Every structure is written in C-alpha cells, then in structure tokens.
Protein backbone atom coordinates (compact mmCIF):
# COMPACT_ATOMS: atom_id res chain seq x y z
CA UNK A 1 0.02 -0.01 0.01
CA UNK A 2 2.79 2.45 0.87
CA UNK A 3 4.61 1.75 -2.43
CA UNK A 4 1.40 2.12 -4.44
CA UNK A 5 0.56 5.40 -2.67
CA UNK A 6 4.05 6.67 -3.30
CA UNK A 7 4.25 5.69 -6.99
CA UNK A 8 0.77 7.05 -7.64
CA UNK A 9 1.66 10.46 -6.25
CA UNK A 10 5.14 10.73 -7.70
CA UNK A 11 5.20 8.71 -10.94
CA UNK A 12 1.77 9.83 -12.08
CA UNK A 13 2.50 13.30 -10.68
CA UNK A 14 -0.89 13.45 -8.90
CA UNK A 15 -1.95 16.91 -7.79
CA UNK A 16 -4.79 17.63 -5.34
CA UNK A 17 -7.18 19.01 -8.02
CA UNK A 18 -6.67 16.18 -10.54
CA UNK A 19 -9.34 13.69 -11.48
CA UNK A 20 -7.78 10.41 -12.36
CA UNK A 21 -9.10 8.03 -15.03
CA UNK A 22 -7.52 4.76 -16.04
CA UNK A 23 -8.46 2.21 -18.67
CA UNK A 24 -6.93 -0.61 -16.59
CA UNK A 25 -9.03 -3.63 -15.77
CA UNK A 26 -9.81 -3.36 -12.06
CA UNK A 27 -9.21 -7.09 -11.61
CA UNK A 28 -5.58 -6.89 -12.64
CA UNK A 29 -2.62 -5.54 -10.66
CA UNK A 30 -2.59 -2.11 -12.35
CA UNK A 31 -6.34 -1.80 -11.83
CA UNK A 32 -6.60 -2.46 -8.17
CA UNK A 33 -3.23 -0.68 -7.41
CA UNK A 34 -3.94 2.45 -9.39
CA UNK A 35 -7.76 2.56 -9.40
CA UNK A 36 -8.26 1.74 -5.74
CA UNK A 37 -5.31 1.57 -3.34
CA UNK A 38 -3.08 4.37 -4.62
CA UNK A 39 -5.98 6.74 -4.99
CA UNK A 40 -7.55 6.06 -1.63
CA UNK A 41 -4.22 6.46 0.11
CA UNK A 42 -3.77 9.91 -1.46
CA UNK A 43 -7.41 11.00 -1.13
CA UNK A 44 -7.70 11.23 -4.94
CA UNK A 45 -10.81 11.38 -7.07
CA UNK A 46 -11.16 8.65 -9.69
CA UNK A 47 -13.58 7.89 -12.45
CA UNK A 48 -14.34 4.23 -13.06
CA UNK A 49 -16.27 4.01 -16.31
CA UNK A 50 -15.97 0.41 -17.33
CA UNK A 51 -13.86 -2.64 -16.83
CA UNK A 52 -11.33 -3.23 -19.59
CA UNK A 53 -9.30 -1.32 -22.10
CA UNK A 54 -11.13 0.84 -24.67
CA UNK A 55 -11.38 -0.92 -27.92
CA UNK A 56 -9.69 1.86 -29.87
CA UNK A 57 -8.15 5.34 -29.65
CA UNK A 58 -11.46 6.99 -30.69
CA UNK A 59 -13.31 5.37 -27.75
CA UNK A 60 -10.59 6.62 -25.35
CA UNK A 61 -10.88 10.16 -26.63
CA UNK A 62 -14.68 10.00 -26.53
CA UNK A 63 -14.59 9.07 -22.83
CA UNK A 64 -12.15 11.83 -22.09
CA UNK A 65 -14.02 14.52 -24.03
CA UNK A 66 -17.68 13.70 -23.33
CA UNK A 67 -17.49 12.12 -19.85
CA UNK A 68 -14.20 13.51 -18.48
CA UNK A 69 -14.84 17.05 -19.88
CA UNK A 70 -11.22 17.13 -21.05
CA UNK A 71 -10.04 17.09 -17.41
CA UNK A 72 -8.70 13.53 -17.44
CA UNK A 73 -5.03 14.37 -17.71
CA UNK A 74 -3.57 11.06 -16.58
CA UNK A 75 -4.26 7.91 -18.61
CA UNK A 76 -2.81 4.51 -17.99
CA UNK A 77 -2.23 1.31 -19.90
CA UNK A 78 -2.92 2.70 -23.39
CA UNK A 79 -1.35 0.13 -25.75
C-alpha cells in the first residue's frame, strides 16, 4: 500500500485538483493498485467508467471529451 501510494503520487505526478481516469481492468494488478489503493491512500478522485481497455483510440478520446470534460489528464495502460 505504501509503495502504491508513493508511486501514484510521484510517478503519475498526482496533484490535489486532478481527477484520475484509467483504462486498466480493475481485476488486474494495475487496476486495483492504481484505481483503488493508490488513489484512496492519497485522497484522490477517480472515475471508473467500465472494466477493460477501450477498444480503440477513438473510444478513449470520446470518454475523455464527453465524460471527463477534457479534465482527465492522466491515462494509464494505453497500448
């Protein structure tokens, strides 16, 4: 938990006003580490839209623009 909190804050450069969104599957290590534990330990706000990676780049941008209002500055696991 301590490592996840530290890496979330420093590697992802989390700031207090940020809203974090990740496409990681919540059932995998990235998902529960950086959608649950790291955020809760830092008091961060997260948006969980669906489980799984968006099917294409257009879907990722649609989520960011229409749902995230272009405020989702941190994205994870885009392949």
